[in-house]
C-alpha cells in the first residue's frame, strides 16, 4: 500500500470554506477512486488553521490517478489561494493491523 500525508495551513478567513471543500474532496476520493482506500481528515485541536490528511492508496499509480481526477483538480484550484503552506509526503505502508 502507498500512503500520502499532507499538512495544510489555511488563512484564518478561509478555514470554514476550506473545511467544507476538504470534506467533499475526501468523500469524492473514497467514493470515486477504486484505488483510494482511506482519506482521513484531521484537525489540529490547538490550531484551527492546520489540517492533516492521511490517504491510503493501492499503489503509486492509484495516487497518480487521484491527482489526475477532475474532483482533485477542482479542489486544488479552489483552495490554492486560501493556503499559507502545503506539505506532501509519500510513504510505503510497512504494517497495519487493519490491512495485515
C-alpha atoms as a PDB file:
ATOM      1  CA  UNK A   1       0.000   0.000   0.000  1.00  0.00           C
ATOM      2  CA  UNK A   2       1.022   3.578  -0.714  1.00  0.00           C
ATOM      3  CA  UNK A   3       0.371   6.277   1.872  1.00  0.00           C
ATOM      4  CA  UNK A   4       0.283  10.040   1.500  1.00  0.00           C
ATOM      5  CA  UNK A   5       0.307  12.612   4.273  1.00  0.00           C
ATOM      6  CA  UNK A   6      -0.465  16.257   3.681  1.00  0.00           C
ATOM      7  CA  UNK A   7      -0.314  19.160   6.101  1.00  0.00           C
ATOM      8  CA  UNK A   8      -2.168  22.335   5.174  1.00  0.00           C
ATOM      9  CA  UNK A   9      -2.030  25.731   6.849  1.00  0.00           C
ATOM     10  CA  UNK A  10      -5.066  27.779   5.872  1.00  0.00           C
ATOM     11  CA  UNK A  11      -5.530  31.532   6.052  1.00  0.00           C
ATOM     12  CA  UNK A  12      -7.872  32.190   9.000  1.00  0.00           C
ATOM     13  CA  UNK A  13     -10.566  33.868   6.904  1.00  0.00           C
ATOM     14  CA  UNK A  14     -10.822  30.768   4.673  1.00  0.00           C
ATOM     15  CA  UNK A  15     -10.936  27.995   7.295  1.00  0.00           C
ATOM     16  CA  UNK A  16     -14.700  27.348   7.071  1.00  0.00           C
ATOM     17  CA  UNK A  17     -14.692  27.264   3.266  1.00  0.00           C
ATOM     18  CA  UNK A  18     -11.593  25.062   3.245  1.00  0.00           C
ATOM     19  CA  UNK A  19     -13.149  22.609   5.710  1.00  0.00           C
ATOM     20  CA  UNK A  20     -16.272  22.307   3.533  1.00  0.00           C
ATOM     21  CA  UNK A  21     -14.220  21.778   0.361  1.00  0.00           C
ATOM     22  CA  UNK A  22     -11.958  19.265   2.121  1.00  0.00           C
ATOM     23  CA  UNK A  23     -14.882  17.187   3.384  1.00  0.00           C
ATOM     24  CA  UNK A  24     -16.237  16.948  -0.174  1.00  0.00           C
ATOM     25  CA  UNK A  25     -12.776  16.085  -1.522  1.00  0.00           C
ATOM     26  CA  UNK A  26     -12.314  13.262   0.995  1.00  0.00           C
ATOM     27  CA  UNK A  27     -15.748  11.819   0.196  1.00  0.00           C
ATOM     28  CA  UNK A  28     -15.190  12.085  -3.575  1.00  0.00           C
ATOM     29  CA  UNK A  29     -11.798  10.410  -3.354  1.00  0.00           C
ATOM     30  CA  UNK A  30     -13.067   7.364  -1.461  1.00  0.00           C
ATOM     31  CA  UNK A  31     -16.322   7.051  -3.443  1.00  0.00           C
ATOM     32  CA  UNK A  32     -14.974   7.693  -6.964  1.00  0.00           C
ATOM     33  CA  UNK A  33     -11.487   6.175  -6.872  1.00  0.00           C
ATOM     34  CA  UNK A  34     -11.243   2.390  -6.574  1.00  0.00           C
ATOM     35  CA  UNK A  35      -7.560   2.714  -5.638  1.00  0.00           C
ATOM     36  CA  UNK A  36      -8.227   5.099  -2.722  1.00  0.00           C
ATOM     37  CA  UNK A  37      -8.844   3.049   0.422  1.00  0.00           C
ATOM     38  CA  UNK A  38      -8.635   5.729   3.087  1.00  0.00           C
ATOM     39  CA  UNK A  39      -8.799   9.507   3.216  1.00  0.00           C
ATOM     40  CA  UNK A  40      -8.768  10.781   6.784  1.00  0.00           C
ATOM     41  CA  UNK A  41      -9.007  14.498   7.528  1.00  0.00           C
ATOM     42  CA  UNK A  42      -7.608  15.538  10.910  1.00  0.00           C
ATOM     43  CA  UNK A  43      -7.781  18.966  12.540  1.00  0.00           C
ATOM     44  CA  UNK A  44      -5.228  20.320  14.998  1.00  0.00           C
ATOM     45  CA  UNK A  45      -7.145  20.871  18.269  1.00  0.00           C
ATOM     46  CA  UNK A  46      -4.883  23.812  19.141  1.00  0.00           C
ATOM     47  CA  UNK A  47      -4.679  25.431  15.700  1.00  0.00           C
ATOM     48  CA  UNK A  48      -7.864  25.529  13.582  1.00  0.00           C
ATOM     49  CA  UNK A  49      -5.832  26.716  10.582  1.00  0.00           C
ATOM     50  CA  UNK A  50      -3.896  23.419  10.471  1.00  0.00           C
ATOM     51  CA  UNK A  51      -5.292  20.308   8.747  1.00  0.00           C
ATOM     52  CA  UNK A  52      -3.547  16.946   8.345  1.00  0.00           C
ATOM     53  CA  UNK A  53      -4.517  14.242   5.819  1.00  0.00           C
ATOM     54  CA  UNK A  54      -3.756  10.537   5.821  1.00  0.00           C
ATOM     55  CA  UNK A  55      -4.529   8.912   2.486  1.00  0.00           C
ATOM     56  CA  UNK A  56      -4.025   5.251   1.598  1.00  0.00           C
ATOM     57  CA  UNK A  57      -3.852   4.007  -1.993  1.00  0.00           C
ATOM     58  CA  UNK A  58      -3.342   0.603  -3.580  1.00  0.00           C
ATOM     59  CA  UNK A  59      -0.071   1.825  -5.109  1.00  0.00           C
ATOM     60  CA  UNK A  60       1.681   4.886  -6.545  1.00  0.00           C
ATOM     61  CA  UNK A  61      -0.295   4.545  -9.791  1.00  0.00           C
ATOM     62  CA  UNK A  62      -3.562   4.848  -7.861  1.00  0.00           C
ATOM     63  CA  UNK A  63      -2.247   8.048  -6.297  1.00  0.00           C
ATOM     64  CA  UNK A  64      -1.380   9.379  -9.758  1.00  0.00           C
ATOM     65  CA  UNK A  65      -4.965   8.569 -10.804  1.00  0.00           C
ATOM     66  CA  UNK A  66      -6.117  10.628  -7.816  1.00  0.00           C
ATOM     67  CA  UNK A  67      -4.012  13.605  -8.916  1.00  0.00           C
ATOM     68  CA  UNK A  68      -5.424  13.316 -12.458  1.00  0.00           C
ATOM     69  CA  UNK A  69      -9.069  13.208 -11.320  1.00  0.00           C
ATOM     70  CA  UNK A  70     -11.345  16.134 -12.081  1.00  0.00           C
ATOM     71  CA  UNK A  71     -12.511  16.369  -8.475  1.00  0.00           C
ATOM     72  CA  UNK A  72      -8.912  16.692  -7.232  1.00  0.00           C
ATOM     73  CA  UNK A  73      -8.004  19.268  -9.877  1.00  0.00           C
ATOM     74  CA  UNK A  74     -11.081  21.337  -8.994  1.00  0.00           C
ATOM     75  CA  UNK A  75     -10.370  21.091  -5.259  1.00  0.00           C
ATOM     76  CA  UNK A  76      -6.710  22.009  -5.701  1.00  0.00           C
ATOM     77  CA  UNK A  77      -7.542  25.048  -7.845  1.00  0.00           C
ATOM     78  CA  UNK A  78     -10.262  26.177  -5.428  1.00  0.00           C
ATOM     79  CA  UNK A  79      -8.162  26.050  -2.253  1.00  0.00           C
ATOM     80  CA  UNK A  80      -4.779  27.135  -3.649  1.00  0.00           C
ATOM     81  CA  UNK A  81      -5.220  30.812  -2.782  1.00  0.00           C
ATOM     82  CA  UNK A  82      -6.586  30.007   0.681  1.00  0.00           C
ATOM     83  CA  UNK A  83      -3.362  28.344   1.867  1.00  0.00           C
ATOM     84  CA  UNK A  84      -0.271  29.686   3.544  1.00  0.00           C
ATOM     85  CA  UNK A  85       1.505  26.330   3.105  1.00  0.00           C
ATOM     86  CA  UNK A  86       1.029  22.742   1.955  1.00  0.00           C
ATOM     87  CA  UNK A  87       3.453  19.867   2.592  1.00  0.00           C
ATOM     88  CA  UNK A  88       3.007  16.470   0.904  1.00  0.00           C
ATOM     89  CA  UNK A  89       4.943  13.356   1.907  1.00  0.00           C
ATOM     90  CA  UNK A  90       4.912   9.873   0.367  1.00  0.00           C
ATOM     91  CA  UNK A  91       5.188   6.662   2.391  1.00  0.00           C
ATOM     92  CA  UNK A  92       5.096   2.905   1.916  1.00  0.00           C
ATOM     93  CA  UNK A  93       2.817   1.205   4.437  1.00  0.00           C
ATOM     94  CA  UNK A  94       5.027  -1.229   6.363  1.00  0.00           C
ATOM     95  CA  UNK A  95       2.494  -2.619   8.850  1.00  0.00           C
ATOM     96  CA  UNK A  96      -1.109  -2.100   9.841  1.00  0.00           C
ATOM     97  CA  UNK A  97      -3.322  -4.377  11.940  1.00  0.00           C
ATOM     98  CA  UNK A  98      -6.199  -3.225   9.703  1.00  0.00           C
ATOM     99  CA  UNK A  99      -4.605  -4.381   6.429  1.00  0.00           C
ATOM    100  CA  UNK A 100      -2.328  -7.234   7.562  1.00  0.00           C
END
